[in-house]
PDB file of all heavy atoms in Angstrom:
ATOM      1  N   GLN A   1       0.136   1.195  13.033  1.00  0.00           N
ATOM      2  CA  GLN A   1       0.956   1.528  11.876  1.00  0.00           C
ATOM      3  C   GLN A   1       0.148   1.535  10.597  1.00  0.00           C
ATOM      4  O   GLN A   1       0.276   2.434   9.776  1.00  0.00           O
ATOM      5  CB  GLN A   1       2.129   0.559  11.752  1.00  0.00           C
ATOM      6  CG  GLN A   1       3.086   0.826  10.604  1.00  0.00           C
ATOM      7  CD  GLN A   1       3.846   2.113  10.788  1.00  0.00           C
ATOM      8  OE1 GLN A   1       3.999   2.625  11.918  1.00  0.00           O
ATOM      9  NE2 GLN A   1       4.362   2.715   9.698  1.00  0.00           N
ATOM     10  N   LEU A   2      -0.723   0.561  10.465  1.00  0.00           N
ATOM     11  CA  LEU A   2      -1.573   0.489   9.256  1.00  0.00           C
ATOM     12  C   LEU A   2      -2.536   1.696   9.224  1.00  0.00           C
ATOM     13  O   LEU A   2      -2.709   2.297   8.161  1.00  0.00           O
ATOM     14  CB  LEU A   2      -2.362  -0.813   9.217  1.00  0.00           C
ATOM     15  CG  LEU A   2      -3.370  -0.946   8.040  1.00  0.00           C
ATOM     16  CD1 LEU A   2      -2.691  -0.823   6.716  1.00  0.00           C
ATOM     17  CD2 LEU A   2      -4.116  -2.237   8.129  1.00  0.00           C
ATOM     18  N   LEU A   3      -3.071   2.050  10.365  1.00  0.00           N
ATOM     19  CA  LEU A   3      -3.957   3.231  10.382  1.00  0.00           C
ATOM     20  C   LEU A   3      -3.224   4.495   9.996  1.00  0.00           C
ATOM     21  O   LEU A   3      -3.769   5.368   9.256  1.00  0.00           O
ATOM     22  CB  LEU A   3      -4.607   3.350  11.778  1.00  0.00           C
ATOM     23  CG  LEU A   3      -5.672   2.383  12.143  1.00  0.00           C
ATOM     24  CD1 LEU A   3      -6.000   2.386  13.605  1.00  0.00           C
ATOM     25  CD2 LEU A   3      -6.916   2.547  11.320  1.00  0.00           C
ATOM     26  N   LEU A   4      -1.985   4.605  10.421  1.00  0.00           N
ATOM     27  CA  LEU A   4      -1.171   5.782  10.041  1.00  0.00           C
ATOM     28  C   LEU A   4      -1.063   5.872   8.513  1.00  0.00           C
ATOM     29  O   LEU A   4      -1.237   6.945   7.913  1.00  0.00           O
ATOM     30  CB  LEU A   4       0.230   5.658  10.658  1.00  0.00           C
ATOM     31  CG  LEU A   4       0.486   6.258  11.995  1.00  0.00           C
ATOM     32  CD1 LEU A   4       1.924   5.963  12.433  1.00  0.00           C
ATOM     33  CD2 LEU A   4       0.288   7.774  11.975  1.00  0.00           C
ATOM     34  N   ARG A   5      -0.756   4.738   7.896  1.00  0.00           N
ATOM     35  CA  ARG A   5      -0.528   4.720   6.440  1.00  0.00           C
ATOM     36  C   ARG A   5      -1.812   4.822   5.685  1.00  0.00           C
ATOM     37  O   ARG A   5      -1.791   5.374   4.551  1.00  0.00           O
ATOM     38  CB  ARG A   5       0.277   3.445   6.097  1.00  0.00           C
ATOM     39  CG  ARG A   5       1.644   3.411   6.794  1.00  0.00           C
ATOM     40  CD  ARG A   5       2.487   2.298   6.282  1.00  0.00           C
ATOM     41  NE  ARG A   5       2.896   2.566   4.916  1.00  0.00           N
ATOM     42  CZ  ARG A   5       3.322   1.644   4.075  1.00  0.00           C
ATOM     43  NH1 ARG A   5       3.451   0.383   4.495  1.00  0.00           N
ATOM     44  NH2 ARG A   5       3.675   1.928   2.833  1.00  0.00           N
ATOM     45  N   ILE A   6      -2.876   4.289   6.221  1.00  0.00           N
ATOM     46  CA  ILE A   6      -4.194   4.520   5.608  1.00  0.00           C
ATOM     47  C   ILE A   6      -4.481   6.025   5.462  1.00  0.00           C
ATOM     48  O   ILE A   6      -4.938   6.511   4.425  1.00  0.00           O
ATOM     49  CB  ILE A   6      -5.309   3.791   6.389  1.00  0.00           C
ATOM     50  CG1 ILE A   6      -5.248   2.288   6.123  1.00  0.00           C
ATOM     51  CG2 ILE A   6      -6.714   4.340   6.043  1.00  0.00           C
ATOM     52  CD1 ILE A   6      -6.219   1.475   7.004  1.00  0.00           C
ATOM     53  N   ARG A   7      -4.217   6.772   6.537  1.00  0.00           N
ATOM     54  CA  ARG A   7      -4.434   8.179   6.511  1.00  0.00           C
ATOM     55  C   ARG A   7      -3.515   8.880   5.573  1.00  0.00           C
ATOM     56  O   ARG A   7      -3.936   9.772   4.784  1.00  0.00           O
ATOM     57  CB  ARG A   7      -4.311   8.793   7.936  1.00  0.00           C
ATOM     58  CG  ARG A   7      -4.452  10.310   7.971  1.00  0.00           C
ATOM     59  CD  ARG A   7      -4.702  10.820   9.367  1.00  0.00           C
ATOM     60  NE  ARG A   7      -3.630  10.479  10.290  1.00  0.00           N
ATOM     61  CZ  ARG A   7      -3.717  10.682  11.620  1.00  0.00           C
ATOM     62  NH1 ARG A   7      -4.799  11.221  12.142  1.00  0.00           N
ATOM     63  NH2 ARG A   7      -2.716  10.334  12.406  1.00  0.00           N
ATOM     64  N   GLU A   8      -2.249   8.489   5.529  1.00  0.00           N
ATOM     65  CA  GLU A   8      -1.256   9.101   4.651  1.00  0.00           C
ATOM     66  C   GLU A   8      -1.623   8.942   3.193  1.00  0.00           C
ATOM     67  O   GLU A   8      -1.494   9.858   2.358  1.00  0.00           O
ATOM     68  CB  GLU A   8       0.109   8.491   4.890  1.00  0.00           C
ATOM     69  CG  GLU A   8       0.770   8.877   6.212  1.00  0.00           C
ATOM     70  CD  GLU A   8       2.036   8.082   6.466  1.00  0.00           C
ATOM     71  OE1 GLU A   8       2.392   7.253   5.588  1.00  0.00           O
ATOM     72  OE2 GLU A   8       2.652   8.288   7.544  1.00  0.00           O
ATOM     73  N   LYS A   9      -2.176   7.762   2.842  1.00  0.00           N
ATOM     74  CA  LYS A   9      -2.427   7.436   1.441  1.00  0.00           C
ATOM     75  C   LYS A   9      -3.889   7.677   1.055  1.00  0.00           C
ATOM     76  O   LYS A   9      -4.235   7.492  -0.139  1.00  0.00           O
ATOM     77  CB  LYS A   9      -2.000   6.004   1.136  1.00  0.00           C
ATOM     78  CG  LYS A   9      -0.508   5.790   1.214  1.00  0.00           C
ATOM     79  CD  LYS A   9      -0.126   4.408   0.827  1.00  0.00           C
ATOM     80  CE  LYS A   9       1.376   4.210   0.775  1.00  0.00           C
ATOM     81  NZ  LYS A   9       2.015   5.052  -0.283  1.00  0.00           N
ATOM     82  N   GLY A  10      -4.748   8.034   2.004  1.00  0.00           N
ATOM     83  CA  GLY A  10      -6.139   8.291   1.655  1.00  0.00           C
ATOM     84  C   GLY A  10      -6.896   7.041   1.247  1.00  0.00           C
ATOM     85  O   GLY A  10      -7.813   7.106   0.446  1.00  0.00           O
ATOM     86  N   ILE A  11      -6.516   5.886   1.817  1.00  0.00           N
ATOM     87  CA  ILE A  11      -7.200   4.601   1.438  1.00  0.00           C
ATOM     88  C   ILE A  11      -8.528   4.539   2.138  1.00  0.00           C
ATOM     89  O   ILE A  11      -8.699   4.890   3.322  1.00  0.00           O
ATOM     90  CB  ILE A  11      -6.324   3.419   1.887  1.00  0.00           C
ATOM     91  CG1 ILE A  11      -5.001   3.462   1.169  1.00  0.00           C
ATOM     92  CG2 ILE A  11      -7.043   2.107   1.668  1.00  0.00           C
ATOM     93  CD1 ILE A  11      -5.023   3.241  -0.295  1.00  0.00           C
ATOM     94  N   THR A  12      -9.553   4.103   1.410  1.00  0.00           N
ATOM     95  CA  THR A  12     -10.920   4.029   2.029  1.00  0.00           C
ATOM     96  C   THR A  12     -11.505   2.577   2.005  1.00  0.00           C
ATOM     97  O   THR A  12     -12.523   2.435   2.582  1.00  0.00           O
ATOM     98  CB  THR A  12     -11.886   4.930   1.220  1.00  0.00           C
ATOM     99  OG1 THR A  12     -11.964   4.502  -0.164  1.00  0.00           O
ATOM    100  CG2 THR A  12     -11.408   6.401   1.240  1.00  0.00           C
ATOM    101  N   ASN A  13     -10.823   1.655   1.342  1.00  0.00           N
ATOM    102  CA  ASN A  13     -11.423   0.333   1.181  1.00  0.00           C
ATOM    103  C   ASN A  13     -10.797  -0.764   2.077  1.00  0.00           C
ATOM    104  O   ASN A  13     -10.703  -1.919   1.708  1.00  0.00           O
ATOM    105  CB  ASN A  13     -11.350  -0.115  -0.287  1.00  0.00           C
ATOM    106  CG  ASN A  13      -9.915  -0.122  -0.815  1.00  0.00           C
ATOM    107  OD1 ASN A  13      -9.038   0.603  -0.337  1.00  0.00           O
ATOM    108  ND2 ASN A  13      -9.687  -0.897  -1.873  1.00  0.00           N
ATOM    109  N   ILE A  14     -10.350  -0.341   3.290  1.00  0.00           N
ATOM    110  CA  ILE A  14      -9.837  -1.260   4.283  1.00  0.00           C
ATOM    111  C   ILE A  14     -10.624  -1.118   5.550  1.00  0.00           C
ATOM    112  O   ILE A  14     -10.924   0.032   5.993  1.00  0.00           O
ATOM    113  CB  ILE A  14      -8.338  -1.002   4.572  1.00  0.00           C
ATOM    114  CG1 ILE A  14      -7.482  -1.337   3.377  1.00  0.00           C
ATOM    115  CG2 ILE A  14      -7.892  -1.819   5.809  1.00  0.00           C
ATOM    116  CD1 ILE A  14      -5.971  -1.050   3.601  1.00  0.00           C
ATOM    117  N   ARG A  15     -10.953  -2.235   6.190  1.00  0.00           N
ATOM    118  CA  ARG A  15     -11.492  -2.236   7.548  1.00  0.00           C
ATOM    119  C   ARG A  15     -10.645  -3.219   8.337  1.00  0.00           C
ATOM    120  O   ARG A  15     -10.127  -4.192   7.808  1.00  0.00           O
ATOM    121  CB  ARG A  15     -12.989  -2.653   7.567  1.00  0.00           C
ATOM    122  CG  ARG A  15     -13.898  -1.687   6.810  1.00  0.00           C
ATOM    123  CD  ARG A  15     -13.964  -0.326   7.481  1.00  0.00           C
ATOM    124  NE  ARG A  15     -14.871   0.543   6.759  1.00  0.00           N
ATOM    125  CZ  ARG A  15     -14.531   1.335   5.747  1.00  0.00           C
ATOM    126  NH1 ARG A  15     -13.280   1.355   5.287  1.00  0.00           N
ATOM    127  NH2 ARG A  15     -15.428   2.096   5.138  1.00  0.00           N
ATOM    128  N   ILE A  16     -10.559  -2.971   9.660  1.00  0.00           N
ATOM    129  CA  ILE A  16      -9.645  -3.694  10.542  1.00  0.00           C
ATOM    130  C   ILE A  16     -10.407  -4.336  11.699  1.00  0.00           C
ATOM    131  O   ILE A  16     -11.262  -3.645  12.305  1.00  0.00           O
ATOM    132  CB  ILE A  16      -8.509  -2.806  11.092  1.00  0.00           C
ATOM    133  CG1 ILE A  16      -7.747  -2.187   9.922  1.00  0.00           C
ATOM    134  CG2 ILE A  16      -7.582  -3.598  11.963  1.00  0.00           C
ATOM    135  CD1 ILE A  16      -6.765  -1.095  10.350  1.00  0.00           C
ATOM    136  N   ASP A  17     -10.088  -5.604  11.965  1.00  0.00           N
ATOM    137  CA  ASP A  17     -10.692  -6.285  13.139  1.00  0.00           C
ATOM    138  C   ASP A  17      -9.530  -6.761  14.012  1.00  0.00           C
ATOM    139  O   ASP A  17      -8.605  -7.395  13.528  1.00  0.00           O
ATOM    140  CB  ASP A  17     -11.538  -7.450  12.688  1.00  0.00           C
ATOM    141  CG  ASP A  17     -12.517  -7.871  13.760  1.00  0.00           C
ATOM    142  OD1 ASP A  17     -12.104  -8.106  14.904  1.00  0.00           O
ATOM    143  OD2 ASP A  17     -13.722  -7.987  13.439  1.00  0.00           O
ATOM    144  N   ARG A  18      -9.601  -6.495  15.323  1.00  0.00           N
ATOM    145  CA  ARG A  18      -8.507  -6.823  16.213  1.00  0.00           C
ATOM    146  C   ARG A  18      -8.809  -8.107  17.000  1.00  0.00           C
ATOM    147  O   ARG A  18      -8.013  -8.480  17.850  1.00  0.00           O
ATOM    148  CB  ARG A  18      -8.307  -5.684  17.238  1.00  0.00           C
ATOM    149  CG  ARG A  18      -8.007  -4.345  16.602  1.00  0.00           C
ATOM    150  CD  ARG A  18      -7.586  -3.286  17.611  1.00  0.00           C
ATOM    151  NE  ARG A  18      -8.406  -3.197  18.788  1.00  0.00           N
ATOM    152  CZ  ARG A  18      -8.591  -2.112  19.492  1.00  0.00           C
ATOM    153  NH1 ARG A  18      -8.062  -0.969  19.117  1.00  0.00           N
ATOM    154  NH2 ARG A  18      -9.341  -2.119  20.562  1.00  0.00           N
ATOM    155  N   ARG A  19      -9.866  -8.797  16.658  1.00  0.00           N
ATOM    156  CA  ARG A  19     -10.150 -10.048  17.378  1.00  0.00           C
ATOM    157  C   ARG A  19      -9.406 -11.210  16.801  1.00  0.00           C
ATOM    158  O   ARG A  19      -8.773 -11.143  15.748  1.00  0.00           O
ATOM    159  CB  ARG A  19     -11.677 -10.278  17.330  1.00  0.00           C
ATOM    160  CG  ARG A  19     -12.467  -9.291  18.145  1.00  0.00           C
ATOM    161  CD  ARG A  19     -13.972  -9.430  17.905  1.00  0.00           C
ATOM    162  NE  ARG A  19     -14.363  -8.988  16.567  1.00  0.00           N
ATOM    163  CZ  ARG A  19     -15.619  -8.785  16.201  1.00  0.00           C
ATOM    164  NH1 ARG A  19     -16.602  -8.998  17.062  1.00  0.00           N
ATOM    165  NH2 ARG A  19     -15.881  -8.406  14.971  1.00  0.00           N
ATOM    166  N   ASP A  20      -9.488 -12.349  17.542  1.00  0.00           N
ATOM    167  CA  ASP A  20      -8.885 -13.599  17.061  1.00  0.00           C
ATOM    168  C   ASP A  20      -9.468 -13.999  15.716  1.00  0.00           C
ATOM    169  O   ASP A  20     -10.684 -13.858  15.476  1.00  0.00           O
ATOM    170  CB  ASP A  20      -9.135 -14.675  18.076  1.00  0.00           C
ATOM    171  CG  ASP A  20      -8.522 -16.031  17.686  1.00  0.00           C
ATOM    172  OD1 ASP A  20      -7.341 -16.194  17.852  1.00  0.00           O
ATOM    173  OD2 ASP A  20      -9.297 -16.880  17.126  1.00  0.00           O
ATOM    174  N   ALA A  21      -8.614 -14.494  14.822  1.00  0.00           N
ATOM    175  CA  ALA A  21      -9.057 -14.802  13.461  1.00  0.00           C
ATOM    176  C   ALA A  21     -10.201 -15.828  13.423  1.00  0.00           C
ATOM    177  O   ALA A  21     -11.145 -15.664  12.653  1.00  0.00           O
ATOM    178  CB  ALA A  21      -7.889 -15.337  12.650  1.00  0.00           C
ATOM    179  N   ILE A  22     -10.159 -16.837  14.279  1.00  0.00           N
ATOM    180  CA  ILE A  22     -11.202 -17.840  14.237  1.00  0.00           C
ATOM    181  C   ILE A  22     -12.548 -17.198  14.652  1.00  0.00           C
ATOM    182  O   ILE A  22     -13.623 -17.551  14.053  1.00  0.00           O
ATOM    183  CB  ILE A  22     -10.857 -18.987  15.222  1.00  0.00           C
ATOM    184  CG1 ILE A  22      -9.630 -19.735  14.696  1.00  0.00           C
ATOM    185  CG2 ILE A  22     -12.050 -19.925  15.357  1.00  0.00           C
ATOM    186  CD1 ILE A  22      -9.800 -20.371  13.381  1.00  0.00           C
ATOM    187  N   GLU A  23     -12.538 -16.258  15.586  1.00  0.00           N
ATOM    188  CA  GLU A  23     -13.785 -15.578  15.971  1.00  0.00           C
ATOM    189  C   GLU A  23     -14.311 -14.762  14.794  1.00  0.00           C
ATOM    190  O   GLU A  23     -15.546 -14.797  14.554  1.00  0.00           O
ATOM    191  CB  GLU A  23     -13.490 -14.650  17.157  1.00  0.00           C
ATOM    192  CG  GLU A  23     -14.744 -13.950  17.669  1.00  0.00           C
ATOM    193  CD  GLU A  23     -14.480 -13.030  18.837  1.00  0.00           C
ATOM    194  OE1 GLU A  23     -13.334 -13.041  19.323  1.00  0.00           O
ATOM    195  OE2 GLU A  23     -15.391 -12.332  19.258  1.00  0.00           O
ATOM    196  N   VAL A  24     -13.446 -14.098  14.074  1.00  0.00           N
ATOM    197  CA  VAL A  24     -13.909 -13.319  12.918  1.00  0.00           C
ATOM    198  C   VAL A  24     -14.497 -14.201  11.852  1.00  0.00           C
ATOM    199  O   VAL A  24     -15.500 -13.889  11.227  1.00  0.00           O
ATOM    200  CB  VAL A  24     -12.748 -12.467  12.357  1.00  0.00           C
ATOM    201  CG1 VAL A  24     -13.176 -11.732  11.104  1.00  0.00           C
ATOM    202  CG2 VAL A  24     -12.218 -11.498  13.419  1.00  0.00           C
ATOM    203  N   LEU A  25     -13.855 -15.343  11.595  1.00  0.00           N
ATOM    204  CA  LEU A  25     -14.379 -16.286  10.610  1.00  0.00           C
ATOM    205  C   LEU A  25     -15.824 -16.750  10.961  1.00  0.00           C
ATOM    206  O   LEU A  25     -16.625 -16.942  10.063  1.00  0.00           O
ATOM    207  CB  LEU A  25     -13.467 -17.533  10.477  1.00  0.00           C
ATOM    208  CG  LEU A  25     -12.089 -17.310   9.906  1.00  0.00           C
ATOM    209  CD1 LEU A  25     -11.327 -18.616   9.849  1.00  0.00           C
ATOM    210  CD2 LEU A  25     -12.149 -16.602   8.529  1.00  0.00           C
ATOM    211  N   GLU A  26     -16.079 -16.854  12.245  1.00  0.00           N
ATOM    212  CA  GLU A  26     -17.413 -17.312  12.686  1.00  0.00           C
ATOM    213  C   GLU A  26     -18.448 -16.219  12.421  1.00  0.00           C
ATOM    214  O   GLU A  26     -19.660 -16.503  12.313  1.00  0.00           O
ATOM    215  CB  GLU A  26     -17.370 -17.656  14.177  1.00  0.00           C
ATOM    216  CG  GLU A  26     -16.537 -18.856  14.540  1.00  0.00           C
ATOM    217  CD  GLU A  26     -17.180 -20.165  14.208  1.00  0.00           C
ATOM    218  OE1 GLU A  26     -18.312 -20.141  13.689  1.00  0.00           O
ATOM    219  OE2 GLU A  26     -16.575 -21.193  14.488  1.00  0.00           O
ATOM    220  N   LEU A  27     -18.034 -14.970  12.332  1.00  0.00           N
ATOM    221  CA  LEU A  27     -18.960 -13.859  12.241  1.00  0.00           C
ATOM    222  C   LEU A  27     -19.231 -13.395  10.824  1.00  0.00           C
ATOM    223  O   LEU A  27     -20.164 -12.592  10.567  1.00  0.00           O
ATOM    224  CB  LEU A  27     -18.416 -12.655  13.050  1.00  0.00           C
ATOM    225  CG  LEU A  27     -18.310 -12.897  14.571  1.00  0.00           C
ATOM    226  CD1 LEU A  27     -17.646 -11.664  15.216  1.00  0.00           C
ATOM    227  CD2 LEU A  27     -19.671 -13.172  15.162  1.00  0.00           C
ATOM    228  N   LEU A  28     -18.458 -13.885   9.855  1.00  0.00           N
ATOM    229  CA  LEU A  28     -18.655 -13.488   8.459  1.00  0.00           C
ATOM    230  C   LEU A  28     -19.698 -14.347   7.784  1.00  0.00           C
ATOM    231  O   LEU A  28     -19.825 -15.559   8.140  1.00  0.00           O
ATOM    232  CB  LEU A  28     -17.385 -13.613   7.687  1.00  0.00           C
ATOM    233  CG  LEU A  28     -16.320 -12.479   7.898  1.00  0.00           C
ATOM    234  CD1 LEU A  28     -15.000 -12.884   7.343  1.00  0.00           C
ATOM    235  CD2 LEU A  28     -16.830 -11.188   7.265  1.00  0.00           C
ATOM    236  N   PRO A  29     -20.503 -13.835   6.876  1.00  0.00           N
ATOM    237  CA  PRO A  29     -21.561 -14.615   6.217  1.00  0.00           C
ATOM    238  C   PRO A  29     -20.968 -15.651   5.251  1.00  0.00           C
ATOM    239  O   PRO A  29     -19.913 -15.429   4.663  1.00  0.00           O
ATOM    240  CB  PRO A  29     -22.379 -13.549   5.430  1.00  0.00           C
ATOM    241  CG  PRO A  29     -21.983 -12.227   5.988  1.00  0.00           C
ATOM    242  CD  PRO A  29     -20.566 -12.393   6.525  1.00  0.00           C
ATOM    243  N   ALA A  30     -21.638 -16.726   5.073  1.00  0.00           N
ATOM    244  CA  ALA A  30     -21.241 -17.778   4.142  1.00  0.00           C
ATOM    245  C   ALA A  30     -21.161 -17.202   2.732  1.00  0.00           C
ATOM    246  O   ALA A  30     -22.025 -16.336   2.321  1.00  0.00           O
ATOM    247  CB  ALA A  30     -22.221 -18.935   4.141  1.00  0.00           C
ATOM    248  N   GLY A  31     -20.082 -17.562   2.011  1.00  0.00           N
ATOM    249  CA  GLY A  31     -19.931 -17.099   0.645  1.00  0.00           C
ATOM    250  C   GLY A  31     -19.656 -15.625   0.497  1.00  0.00           C
ATOM    251  O   GLY A  31     -19.837 -15.069  -0.594  1.00  0.00           O
ATOM    252  N   SER A  32     -19.097 -15.005   1.524  1.00  0.00           N
ATOM    253  CA  SER A  32     -18.907 -13.552   1.458  1.00  0.00           C
ATOM    254  C   SER A  32     -17.501 -13.158   0.960  1.00  0.00           C
ATOM    255  O   SER A  32     -17.265 -12.010   0.651  1.00  0.00           O
ATOM    256  CB  SER A  32     -19.116 -12.909   2.861  1.00  0.00           C
ATOM    257  OG  SER A  32     -18.243 -13.467   3.794  1.00  0.00           O
ATOM    258  N   LEU A  33     -16.588 -14.107   0.844  1.00  0.00           N
ATOM    259  CA  LEU A  33     -15.215 -13.779   0.481  1.00  0.00           C
ATOM    260  C   LEU A  33     -14.865 -14.226  -0.935  1.00  0.00           C
ATOM    261  O   LEU A  33     -15.211 -15.324  -1.370  1.00  0.00           O
ATOM    262  CB  LEU A  33     -14.234 -14.476   1.427  1.00  0.00           C
ATOM    263  CG  LEU A  33     -14.288 -14.073   2.891  1.00  0.00           C
ATOM    264  CD1 LEU A  33     -13.275 -14.904   3.700  1.00  0.00           C
ATOM    265  CD2 LEU A  33     -14.018 -12.603   3.095  1.00  0.00           C
ATOM    266  N   SER A  34     -14.215 -13.351  -1.667  1.00  0.00           N
ATOM    267  CA  SER A  34     -13.645 -13.673  -2.976  1.00  0.00           C
ATOM    268  C   SER A  34     -12.219 -14.269  -2.842  1.00  0.00           C
ATOM    269  O   SER A  34     -11.759 -14.928  -3.757  1.00  0.00           O
ATOM    270  CB  SER A  34     -13.624 -12.450  -3.862  1.00  0.00           C
ATOM    271  OG  SER A  34     -14.930 -12.032  -4.142  1.00  0.00           O
ATOM    272  N   GLY A  35     -11.571 -14.014  -1.745  1.00  0.00           N
ATOM    273  CA  GLY A  35     -10.236 -14.522  -1.543  1.00  0.00           C
ATOM    274  C   GLY A  35      -9.782 -14.292  -0.125  1.00  0.00           C
ATOM    275  O   GLY A  35     -10.298 -13.452   0.612  1.00  0.00           O
ATOM    276  N   ALA A  36      -8.773 -15.088   0.331  1.00  0.00           N
ATOM    277  CA  ALA A  36      -8.229 -14.958   1.673  1.00  0.00           C
ATOM    278  C   ALA A  36      -6.705 -15.148   1.612  1.00  0.00           C
ATOM    279  O   ALA A  36      -6.234 -16.038   0.871  1.00  0.00           O
ATOM    280  CB  ALA A  36      -8.874 -15.951   2.636  1.00  0.00           C
ATOM    281  N   PHE A  37      -5.979 -14.379   2.400  1.00  0.00           N
ATOM    282  CA  PHE A  37      -4.522 -14.385   2.425  1.00  0.00           C
ATOM    283  C   PHE A  37      -4.088 -14.736   3.856  1.00  0.00           C
ATOM    284  O   PHE A  37      -4.615 -14.190   4.835  1.00  0.00           O
ATOM    285  CB  PHE A  37      -3.927 -13.054   2.033  1.00  0.00           C
ATOM    286  CG  PHE A  37      -4.251 -12.591   0.659  1.00  0.00           C
ATOM    287  CD1 PHE A  37      -5.363 -11.839   0.387  1.00  0.00           C
ATOM    288  CD2 PHE A  37      -3.377 -12.920  -0.398  1.00  0.00           C
ATOM    289  CE1 PHE A  37      -5.661 -11.402  -0.905  1.00  0.00           C
ATOM    290  CE2 PHE A  37      -3.691 -12.539  -1.671  1.00  0.00           C
ATOM    291  CZ  PHE A  37      -4.789 -11.764  -1.928  1.00  0.00           C
ATOM    292  N   LEU A  38      -3.076 -15.604   3.921  1.00  0.00           N
ATOM    293  CA  LEU A  38      -2.415 -15.895   5.179  1.00  0.00           C
ATOM    294  C   LEU A  38      -0.904 -15.827   4.860  1.00  0.00           C
ATOM    295  O   LEU A  38      -0.307 -16.794   4.398  1.00  0.00           O
ATOM    296  CB  LEU A  38      -2.797 -17.289   5.707  1.00  0.00           C
ATOM    297  CG  LEU A  38      -2.153 -17.685   7.032  1.00  0.00           C
ATOM    298  CD1 LEU A  38      -2.659 -16.856   8.209  1.00  0.00           C
ATOM    299  CD2 LEU A  38      -2.413 -19.172   7.357  1.00  0.00           C
ATOM    300  N   LEU A  39      -0.299 -14.677   5.069  1.00  0.00           N
ATOM    301  CA  LEU A  39       1.049 -14.426   4.649  1.00  0.00           C
ATOM    302  C   LEU A  39       1.981 -14.350   5.828  1.00  0.00           C
ATOM    303  O   LEU A  39       1.862 -13.483   6.697  1.00  0.00           O
ATOM    304  CB  LEU A  39       1.077 -13.088   3.842  1.00  0.00           C
ATOM    305  CG  LEU A  39       0.138 -12.996   2.667  1.00  0.00           C
ATOM    306  CD1 LEU A  39       0.261 -11.623   1.992  1.00  0.00           C
ATOM    307  CD2 LEU A  39       0.379 -14.096   1.665  1.00  0.00           C
ATOM    308  N   PHE A  40       2.862 -15.327   5.907  1.00  0.00           N
ATOM    309  CA  PHE A  40       3.931 -15.410   6.916  1.00  0.00           C
ATOM    310  C   PHE A  40       3.346 -15.391   8.338  1.00  0.00           C
ATOM    311  O   PHE A  40       3.635 -14.538   9.165  1.00  0.00           O
ATOM    312  CB  PHE A  40       4.911 -14.293   6.681  1.00  0.00           C
ATOM    313  CG  PHE A  40       5.502 -14.364   5.310  1.00  0.00           C
ATOM    314  CD1 PHE A  40       4.942 -13.651   4.290  1.00  0.00           C
ATOM    315  CD2 PHE A  40       6.518 -15.285   4.987  1.00  0.00           C
ATOM    316  CE1 PHE A  40       5.383 -13.768   2.936  1.00  0.00           C
ATOM    317  CE2 PHE A  40       6.981 -15.385   3.699  1.00  0.00           C
ATOM    318  CZ  PHE A  40       6.390 -14.672   2.696  1.00  0.00           C
ATOM    319  N   PRO A  41       2.460 -16.383   8.605  1.00  0.00           N
ATOM    320  CA  PRO A  41       1.864 -16.494   9.940  1.00  0.00           C
ATOM    321  C   PRO A  41       2.904 -16.993  10.980  1.00  0.00           C
ATOM    322  O   PRO A  41       3.991 -17.494  10.584  1.00  0.00           O
ATOM    323  CB  PRO A  41       0.769 -17.527   9.735  1.00  0.00           C
ATOM    324  CG  PRO A  41       1.290 -18.423   8.641  1.00  0.00           C
ATOM    325  CD  PRO A  41       2.003 -17.471   7.691  1.00  0.00           C
ATOM    326  N   ASP A  42       2.535 -16.829  12.224  1.00  0.00           N
ATOM    327  CA  ASP A  42       3.410 -17.366  13.301  1.00  0.00           C
ATOM    328  C   ASP A  42       3.609 -18.861  13.028  1.00  0.00           C
ATOM    329  O   ASP A  42       2.634 -19.584  12.983  1.00  0.00           O
ATOM    330  CB  ASP A  42       2.722 -17.150  14.649  1.00  0.00           C
ATOM    331  CG  ASP A  42       3.659 -17.403  15.818  1.00  0.00           C
ATOM    332  OD1 ASP A  42       4.570 -18.284  15.663  1.00  0.00           O
ATOM    333  OD2 ASP A  42       3.493 -16.756  16.836  1.00  0.00           O
TER     334      ASP A  42
END
């Protein structure tokens, strides 16, 4: 659904990862984030 809307709106500044969040956190460089959101998690 997000990919559909990205195409509709011509958004270019989003990338998507389908892996477990903890795995993704392990793969990002230290100090690489300006902010993080966790909105209405399970």
